[in-house]
Amino acid sequence: TDSNRRLLRKLQREVKTRIADSRNERWD
């Protein structure tokens, strides 16, 4: 459904951002 797709896309973006932030923090 559209609502499931929107939730999935939102969580995918959030996961990608959080993992990138974690990598950057570890690198720093």
PDB file of all heavy atoms in Angstrom:
ATOM      1  N   THR A   1       0.844  -1.199   0.000  1.00  0.00           N
ATOM      2  CA  THR A   1       0.000   0.000   0.000  1.00  0.00           C
ATOM      3  C   THR A   1       0.878   1.248   0.000  1.00  0.00           C
ATOM      4  O   THR A   1       2.075   1.182   0.292  1.00  0.00           O
ATOM      5  CB  THR A   1      -0.912   0.015   1.246  1.00  0.00           C
ATOM      6  OG1 THR A   1      -0.074   0.084   2.403  1.00  0.00           O
ATOM      7  CG2 THR A   1      -1.796  -1.217   1.307  1.00  0.00           C
ATOM      8  N   ASP A   2       0.273   2.386  -0.307  1.00  0.00           N
ATOM      9  CA  ASP A   2       1.019   3.644  -0.312  1.00  0.00           C
ATOM     10  C   ASP A   2       1.563   3.985   1.075  1.00  0.00           C
ATOM     11  O   ASP A   2       2.684   4.462   1.212  1.00  0.00           O
ATOM     12  CB  ASP A   2       0.140   4.796  -0.813  1.00  0.00           C
ATOM     13  CG  ASP A   2      -0.025   4.768  -2.319  1.00  0.00           C
ATOM     14  OD1 ASP A   2       0.802   4.127  -2.997  1.00  0.00           O
ATOM     15  OD2 ASP A   2      -0.976   5.400  -2.817  1.00  0.00           O
ATOM     16  N   SER A   3       0.770   3.735   2.104  1.00  0.00           N
ATOM     17  CA  SER A   3       1.238   4.074   3.457  1.00  0.00           C
ATOM     18  C   SER A   3       2.420   3.184   3.862  1.00  0.00           C
ATOM     19  O   SER A   3       3.381   3.670   4.469  1.00  0.00           O
ATOM     20  CB  SER A   3       0.098   3.950   4.465  1.00  0.00           C
ATOM     21  OG  SER A   3      -0.376   2.625   4.509  1.00  0.00           O
ATOM     22  N   ASN A   4       2.370   1.894   3.501  1.00  0.00           N
ATOM     23  CA  ASN A   4       3.498   1.006   3.796  1.00  0.00           C
ATOM     24  C   ASN A   4       4.740   1.427   3.014  1.00  0.00           C
ATOM     25  O   ASN A   4       5.854   1.375   3.523  1.00  0.00           O
ATOM     26  CB  ASN A   4       3.157  -0.449   3.482  1.00  0.00           C
ATOM     27  CG  ASN A   4       2.272  -1.071   4.539  1.00  0.00           C
ATOM     28  OD1 ASN A   4       2.122  -0.524   5.628  1.00  0.00           O
ATOM     29  ND2 ASN A   4       1.669  -2.197   4.222  1.00  0.00           N
ATOM     30  N   ARG A   5       4.546   1.851   1.772  1.00  0.00           N
ATOM     31  CA  ARG A   5       5.675   2.299   0.945  1.00  0.00           C
ATOM     32  C   ARG A   5       6.298   3.559   1.532  1.00  0.00           C
ATOM     33  O   ARG A   5       7.516   3.675   1.634  1.00  0.00           O
ATOM     34  CB  ARG A   5       5.230   2.550  -0.490  1.00  0.00           C
ATOM     35  CG  ARG A   5       6.392   2.950  -1.416  1.00  0.00           C
ATOM     36  CD  ARG A   5       5.931   3.228  -2.828  1.00  0.00           C
ATOM     37  NE  ARG A   5       4.886   4.237  -2.904  1.00  0.00           N
ATOM     38  CZ  ARG A   5       5.104   5.549  -2.848  1.00  0.00           C
ATOM     39  NH1 ARG A   5       6.312   6.021  -2.699  1.00  0.00           N
ATOM     40  NH2 ARG A   5       4.095   6.396  -2.931  1.00  0.00           N
ATOM     41  N   ARG A   6       5.461   4.509   1.948  1.00  0.00           N
ATOM     42  CA  ARG A   6       5.977   5.752   2.528  1.00  0.00           C
ATOM     43  C   ARG A   6       6.760   5.477   3.809  1.00  0.00           C
ATOM     44  O   ARG A   6       7.842   6.027   4.019  1.00  0.00           O
ATOM     45  CB  ARG A   6       4.830   6.727   2.802  1.00  0.00           C
ATOM     46  CG  ARG A   6       4.387   7.478   1.561  1.00  0.00           C
ATOM     47  CD  ARG A   6       3.473   8.634   1.916  1.00  0.00           C
ATOM     48  NE  ARG A   6       2.237   8.219   2.561  1.00  0.00           N
ATOM     49  CZ  ARG A   6       1.118   7.872   1.919  1.00  0.00           C
ATOM     50  NH1 ARG A   6       1.071   7.925   0.615  1.00  0.00           N
ATOM     51  NH2 ARG A   6       0.050   7.497   2.584  1.00  0.00           N
ATOM     52  N   LEU A   7       6.217   4.603   4.661  1.00  0.00           N
ATOM     53  CA  LEU A   7       6.908   4.258   5.901  1.00  0.00           C
ATOM     54  C   LEU A   7       8.243   3.586   5.597  1.00  0.00           C
ATOM     55  O   LEU A   7       9.269   3.920   6.209  1.00  0.00           O
ATOM     56  CB  LEU A   7       6.036   3.341   6.770  1.00  0.00           C
ATOM     57  CG  LEU A   7       6.686   2.833   8.053  1.00  0.00           C
ATOM     58  CD1 LEU A   7       7.006   3.994   8.989  1.00  0.00           C
ATOM     59  CD2 LEU A   7       5.800   1.802   8.727  1.00  0.00           C
ATOM     60  N   LEU A   8       8.248   2.652   4.653  1.00  0.00           N
ATOM     61  CA  LEU A   8       9.475   1.955   4.292  1.00  0.00           C
ATOM     62  C   LEU A   8      10.517   2.932   3.767  1.00  0.00           C
ATOM     63  O   LEU A   8      11.675   2.909   4.193  1.00  0.00           O
ATOM     64  CB  LEU A   8       9.183   0.881   3.239  1.00  0.00           C
ATOM     65  CG  LEU A   8      10.404   0.161   2.669  1.00  0.00           C
ATOM     66  CD1 LEU A   8      11.191  -0.530   3.770  1.00  0.00           C
ATOM     67  CD2 LEU A   8       9.973  -0.831   1.600  1.00  0.00           C
ATOM     68  N   ARG A   9      10.139   3.817   2.856  1.00  0.00           N
ATOM     69  CA  ARG A   9      11.093   4.796   2.300  1.00  0.00           C
ATOM     70  C   ARG A   9      11.644   5.713   3.395  1.00  0.00           C
ATOM     71  O   ARG A   9      12.825   6.023   3.423  1.00  0.00           O
ATOM     72  CB  ARG A   9      10.431   5.640   1.208  1.00  0.00           C
ATOM     73  CG  ARG A   9       9.989   4.861   0.003  1.00  0.00           C
ATOM     74  CD  ARG A   9      11.178   4.433  -0.832  1.00  0.00           C
ATOM     75  NE  ARG A   9      10.731   3.890  -2.082  1.00  0.00           N
ATOM     76  CZ  ARG A   9      10.906   2.632  -2.453  1.00  0.00           C
ATOM     77  NH1 ARG A   9      11.519   1.801  -1.651  1.00  0.00           N
ATOM     78  NH2 ARG A   9      10.469   2.213  -3.615  1.00  0.00           N
ATOM     79  N   LYS A  10      10.757   6.130   4.304  1.00  0.00           N
ATOM     80  CA  LYS A  10      11.190   7.001   5.407  1.00  0.00           C
ATOM     81  C   LYS A  10      12.228   6.293   6.270  1.00  0.00           C
ATOM     82  O   LYS A  10      13.273   6.869   6.613  1.00  0.00           O
ATOM     83  CB  LYS A  10       9.976   7.401   6.241  1.00  0.00           C
ATOM     84  CG  LYS A  10      10.300   8.235   7.468  1.00  0.00           C
ATOM     85  CD  LYS A  10       9.025   8.502   8.267  1.00  0.00           C
ATOM     86  CE  LYS A  10       9.328   9.163   9.564  1.00  0.00           C
ATOM     87  NZ  LYS A  10       9.639   8.223  10.638  1.00  0.00           N
ATOM     88  N   LEU A  11      11.943   5.033   6.625  1.00  0.00           N
ATOM     89  CA  LEU A  11      12.874   4.276   7.456  1.00  0.00           C
ATOM     90  C   LEU A  11      14.178   3.976   6.717  1.00  0.00           C
ATOM     91  O   LEU A  11      15.251   3.992   7.316  1.00  0.00           O
ATOM     92  CB  LEU A  11      12.220   2.987   7.949  1.00  0.00           C
ATOM     93  CG  LEU A  11      11.120   3.182   8.992  1.00  0.00           C
ATOM     94  CD1 LEU A  11      10.381   1.879   9.258  1.00  0.00           C
ATOM     95  CD2 LEU A  11      11.690   3.755  10.275  1.00  0.00           C
ATOM     96  N   GLN A  12      14.101   3.713   5.416  1.00  0.00           N
ATOM     97  CA  GLN A  12      15.322   3.486   4.637  1.00  0.00           C
ATOM     98  C   GLN A  12      16.219   4.718   4.659  1.00  0.00           C
ATOM     99  O   GLN A  12      17.436   4.610   4.851  1.00  0.00           O
ATOM    100  CB  GLN A  12      14.977   3.128   3.185  1.00  0.00           C
ATOM    101  CG  GLN A  12      14.446   1.727   3.007  1.00  0.00           C
ATOM    102  CD  GLN A  12      13.945   1.474   1.599  1.00  0.00           C
ATOM    103  OE1 GLN A  12      13.513   2.386   0.881  1.00  0.00           O
ATOM    104  NE2 GLN A  12      13.982   0.213   1.184  1.00  0.00           N
ATOM    105  N   ARG A  13      15.623   5.896   4.461  1.00  0.00           N
ATOM    106  CA  ARG A  13      16.411   7.134   4.499  1.00  0.00           C
ATOM    107  C   ARG A  13      17.019   7.356   5.880  1.00  0.00           C
ATOM    108  O   ARG A  13      18.177   7.739   6.009  1.00  0.00           O
ATOM    109  CB  ARG A  13      15.539   8.332   4.104  1.00  0.00           C
ATOM    110  CG  ARG A  13      15.255   8.423   2.624  1.00  0.00           C
ATOM    111  CD  ARG A  13      14.591   9.742   2.282  1.00  0.00           C
ATOM    112  NE  ARG A  13      13.334   9.962   2.986  1.00  0.00           N
ATOM    113  CZ  ARG A  13      12.138   9.563   2.554  1.00  0.00           C
ATOM    114  NH1 ARG A  13      12.023   8.947   1.398  1.00  0.00           N
ATOM    115  NH2 ARG A  13      11.051   9.816   3.260  1.00  0.00           N
ATOM    116  N   GLU A  14      16.210   7.089   6.910  1.00  0.00           N
ATOM    117  CA  GLU A  14      16.687   7.305   8.276  1.00  0.00           C
ATOM    118  C   GLU A  14      17.836   6.355   8.615  1.00  0.00           C
ATOM    119  O   GLU A  14      18.835   6.768   9.210  1.00  0.00           O
ATOM    120  CB  GLU A  14      15.531   7.125   9.259  1.00  0.00           C
ATOM    121  CG  GLU A  14      15.831   7.671  10.627  1.00  0.00           C
ATOM    122  CD  GLU A  14      14.606   7.656  11.537  1.00  0.00           C
ATOM    123  OE1 GLU A  14      13.467   7.642  11.033  1.00  0.00           O
ATOM    124  OE2 GLU A  14      14.821   7.658  12.756  1.00  0.00           O
ATOM    125  N   VAL A  15      17.724   5.089   8.212  1.00  0.00           N
ATOM    126  CA  VAL A  15      18.790   4.113   8.464  1.00  0.00           C
ATOM    127  C   VAL A  15      20.063   4.550   7.752  1.00  0.00           C
ATOM    128  O   VAL A  15      21.158   4.535   8.328  1.00  0.00           O
ATOM    129  CB  VAL A  15      18.361   2.694   8.007  1.00  0.00           C
ATOM    130  CG1 VAL A  15      19.549   1.761   7.884  1.00  0.00           C
ATOM    131  CG2 VAL A  15      17.341   2.116   8.965  1.00  0.00           C
ATOM    132  N   LYS A  16      19.924   4.939   6.506  1.00  0.00           N
ATOM    133  CA  LYS A  16      21.097   5.360   5.733  1.00  0.00           C
ATOM    134  C   LYS A  16      21.789   6.546   6.397  1.00  0.00           C
ATOM    135  O   LYS A  16      23.015   6.579   6.537  1.00  0.00           O
ATOM    136  CB  LYS A  16      20.655   5.721   4.313  1.00  0.00           C
ATOM    137  CG  LYS A  16      21.781   6.027   3.382  1.00  0.00           C
ATOM    138  CD  LYS A  16      21.245   6.292   1.985  1.00  0.00           C
ATOM    139  CE  LYS A  16      22.355   6.625   1.024  1.00  0.00           C
ATOM    140  NZ  LYS A  16      21.857   6.895  -0.319  1.00  0.00           N
ATOM    141  N   THR A  17      21.005   7.520   6.842  1.00  0.00           N
ATOM    142  CA  THR A  17      21.560   8.706   7.492  1.00  0.00           C
ATOM    143  C   THR A  17      22.235   8.347   8.811  1.00  0.00           C
ATOM    144  O   THR A  17      23.345   8.799   9.102  1.00  0.00           O
ATOM    145  CB  THR A  17      20.452   9.739   7.743  1.00  0.00           C
ATOM    146  OG1 THR A  17      19.849  10.069   6.493  1.00  0.00           O
ATOM    147  CG2 THR A  17      20.984  10.990   8.390  1.00  0.00           C
ATOM    148  N   ARG A  18      21.571   7.511   9.616  1.00  0.00           N
ATOM    149  CA  ARG A  18      22.116   7.159  10.930  1.00  0.00           C
ATOM    150  C   ARG A  18      23.395   6.335  10.807  1.00  0.00           C
ATOM    151  O   ARG A  18      24.336   6.521  11.579  1.00  0.00           O
ATOM    152  CB  ARG A  18      21.079   6.389  11.739  1.00  0.00           C
ATOM    153  CG  ARG A  18      19.826   7.187  12.085  1.00  0.00           C
ATOM    154  CD  ARG A  18      20.057   8.220  13.151  1.00  0.00           C
ATOM    155  NE  ARG A  18      20.332   7.650  14.452  1.00  0.00           N
ATOM    156  CZ  ARG A  18      19.426   7.148  15.277  1.00  0.00           C
ATOM    157  NH1 ARG A  18      18.155   7.171  14.963  1.00  0.00           N
ATOM    158  NH2 ARG A  18      19.802   6.643  16.431  1.00  0.00           N
ATOM    159  N   ILE A  19      23.454   5.428   9.846  1.00  0.00           N
ATOM    160  CA  ILE A  19      24.673   4.631   9.665  1.00  0.00           C
ATOM    161  C   ILE A  19      25.810   5.534   9.185  1.00  0.00           C
ATOM    162  O   ILE A  19      26.946   5.411   9.651  1.00  0.00           O
ATOM    163  CB  ILE A  19      24.425   3.452   8.703  1.00  0.00           C
ATOM    164  CG1 ILE A  19      23.558   2.396   9.413  1.00  0.00           C
ATOM    165  CG2 ILE A  19      25.737   2.828   8.235  1.00  0.00           C
ATOM    166  CD1 ILE A  19      23.175   1.218   8.561  1.00  0.00           C
ATOM    167  N   ALA A  20      25.514   6.449   8.283  1.00  0.00           N
ATOM    168  CA  ALA A  20      26.547   7.389   7.821  1.00  0.00           C
ATOM    169  C   ALA A  20      27.034   8.250   8.977  1.00  0.00           C
ATOM    170  O   ALA A  20      28.247   8.490   9.122  1.00  0.00           O
ATOM    171  CB  ALA A  20      26.003   8.261   6.691  1.00  0.00           C
ATOM    172  N   ASP A  21      26.113   8.699   9.812  1.00  0.00           N
ATOM    173  CA  ASP A  21      26.511   9.497  10.984  1.00  0.00           C
ATOM    174  C   ASP A  21      27.398   8.678  11.925  1.00  0.00           C
ATOM    175  O   ASP A  21      28.395   9.181  12.447  1.00  0.00           O
ATOM    176  CB  ASP A  21      25.282  10.003  11.737  1.00  0.00           C
ATOM    177  CG  ASP A  21      24.511  11.068  10.975  1.00  0.00           C
ATOM    178  OD1 ASP A  21      25.068  11.625   9.997  1.00  0.00           O
ATOM    179  OD2 ASP A  21      23.345  11.333  11.340  1.00  0.00           O
ATOM    180  N   SER A  22      27.037   7.414  12.133  1.00  0.00           N
ATOM    181  CA  SER A  22      27.835   6.547  13.012  1.00  0.00           C
ATOM    182  C   SER A  22      29.237   6.355  12.448  1.00  0.00           C
ATOM    183  O   SER A  22      30.222   6.400  13.190  1.00  0.00           O
ATOM    184  CB  SER A  22      27.164   5.177  13.172  1.00  0.00           C
ATOM    185  OG  SER A  22      25.935   5.304  13.826  1.00  0.00           O
ATOM    186  N   ARG A  23      29.317   6.137  11.149  1.00  0.00           N
ATOM    187  CA  ARG A  23      30.637   5.988  10.516  1.00  0.00           C
ATOM    188  C   ARG A  23      31.463   7.251  10.678  1.00  0.00           C
ATOM    189  O   ARG A  23      32.651   7.191  10.979  1.00  0.00           O
ATOM    190  CB  ARG A  23      30.469   5.696   9.025  1.00  0.00           C
ATOM    191  CG  ARG A  23      30.183   4.278   8.713  1.00  0.00           C
ATOM    192  CD  ARG A  23      30.299   4.031   7.216  1.00  0.00           C
ATOM    193  NE  ARG A  23      29.875   2.691   6.923  1.00  0.00           N
ATOM    194  CZ  ARG A  23      28.942   2.368   6.053  1.00  0.00           C
ATOM    195  NH1 ARG A  23      28.347   3.305   5.342  1.00  0.00           N
ATOM    196  NH2 ARG A  23      28.612   1.118   5.846  1.00  0.00           N
ATOM    197  N   ASN A  24      30.830   8.391  10.445  1.00  0.00           N
ATOM    198  CA  ASN A  24      31.559   9.658  10.573  1.00  0.00           C
ATOM    199  C   ASN A  24      32.035   9.888  12.009  1.00  0.00           C
ATOM    200  O   ASN A  24      33.157  10.358  12.230  1.00  0.00           O
ATOM    201  CB  ASN A  24      30.692  10.822  10.098  1.00  0.00           C
ATOM    202  CG  ASN A  24      30.523  10.827   8.605  1.00  0.00           C
ATOM    203  OD1 ASN A  24      31.342  10.280   7.874  1.00  0.00           O
ATOM    204  ND2 ASN A  24      29.445  11.430   8.139  1.00  0.00           N
ATOM    205  N   GLU A  25      31.185   9.582  12.984  1.00  0.00           N
ATOM    206  CA  GLU A  25      31.575   9.737  14.383  1.00  0.00           C
ATOM    207  C   GLU A  25      32.745   8.822  14.726  1.00  0.00           C
ATOM    208  O   GLU A  25      33.694   9.240  15.390  1.00  0.00           O
ATOM    209  CB  GLU A  25      30.394   9.436  15.302  1.00  0.00           C
ATOM    210  CG  GLU A  25      29.313  10.495  15.277  1.00  0.00           C
ATOM    211  CD  GLU A  25      28.048  10.056  16.007  1.00  0.00           C
ATOM    212  OE1 GLU A  25      28.076   9.016  16.706  1.00  0.00           O
ATOM    213  OE2 GLU A  25      27.030  10.747  15.852  1.00  0.00           O
ATOM    214  N   ARG A  26      32.678   7.582  14.245  1.00  0.00           N
ATOM    215  CA  ARG A  26      33.766   6.639  14.510  1.00  0.00           C
ATOM    216  C   ARG A  26      35.049   7.122  13.841  1.00  0.00           C
ATOM    217  O   ARG A  26      36.123   7.051  14.428  1.00  0.00           O
ATOM    218  CB  ARG A  26      33.395   5.249  14.021  1.00  0.00           C
ATOM    219  CG  ARG A  26      34.482   4.231  14.273  1.00  0.00           C
ATOM    220  CD  ARG A  26      34.012   2.836  13.907  1.00  0.00           C
ATOM    221  NE  ARG A  26      35.092   1.899  13.813  1.00  0.00           N
ATOM    222  CZ  ARG A  26      35.580   1.213  14.815  1.00  0.00           C
ATOM    223  NH1 ARG A  26      35.076   1.369  16.015  1.00  0.00           N
ATOM    224  NH2 ARG A  26      36.566   0.355  14.634  1.00  0.00           N
ATOM    225  N   TRP A  27      34.956   7.607  12.622  1.00  0.00           N
ATOM    226  CA  TRP A  27      36.124   8.100  11.909  1.00  0.00           C
ATOM    227  C   TRP A  27      36.718   9.316  12.625  1.00  0.00           C
ATOM    228  O   TRP A  27      37.928   9.418  12.777  1.00  0.00           O
ATOM    229  CB  TRP A  27      35.742   8.434  10.482  1.00  0.00           C
ATOM    230  CG  TRP A  27      36.881   8.848   9.619  1.00  0.00           C
ATOM    231  CD1 TRP A  27      37.044  10.038   9.009  1.00  0.00           C
ATOM    232  CD2 TRP A  27      38.031   8.073   9.271  1.00  0.00           C
ATOM    233  NE1 TRP A  27      38.218  10.063   8.309  1.00  0.00           N
ATOM    234  CE2 TRP A  27      38.845   8.861   8.453  1.00  0.00           C
ATOM    235  CE3 TRP A  27      38.455   6.790   9.586  1.00  0.00           C
ATOM    236  CZ2 TRP A  27      40.058   8.423   7.939  1.00  0.00           C
ATOM    237  CZ3 TRP A  27      39.672   6.341   9.055  1.00  0.00           C
ATOM    238  CH2 TRP A  27      40.442   7.155   8.256  1.00  0.00           C
ATOM    239  N   ASP A  28      35.842  10.227  13.074  1.00  0.00           N
ATOM    240  CA  ASP A  28      36.320  11.401  13.815  1.00  0.00           C
ATOM    241  C   ASP A  28      37.056  10.992  15.089  1.00  0.00           C
ATOM    242  O   ASP A  28      38.120  11.536  15.406  1.00  0.00           O
ATOM    243  CB  ASP A  28      35.156  12.327  14.169  1.00  0.00           C
ATOM    244  CG  ASP A  28      34.622  13.083  12.969  1.00  0.00           C
ATOM    245  OD1 ASP A  28      35.330  13.141  11.937  1.00  0.00           O
ATOM    246  OD2 ASP A  28      33.498  13.604  13.055  1.00  0.00           O
TER     247      ASP A  28
END
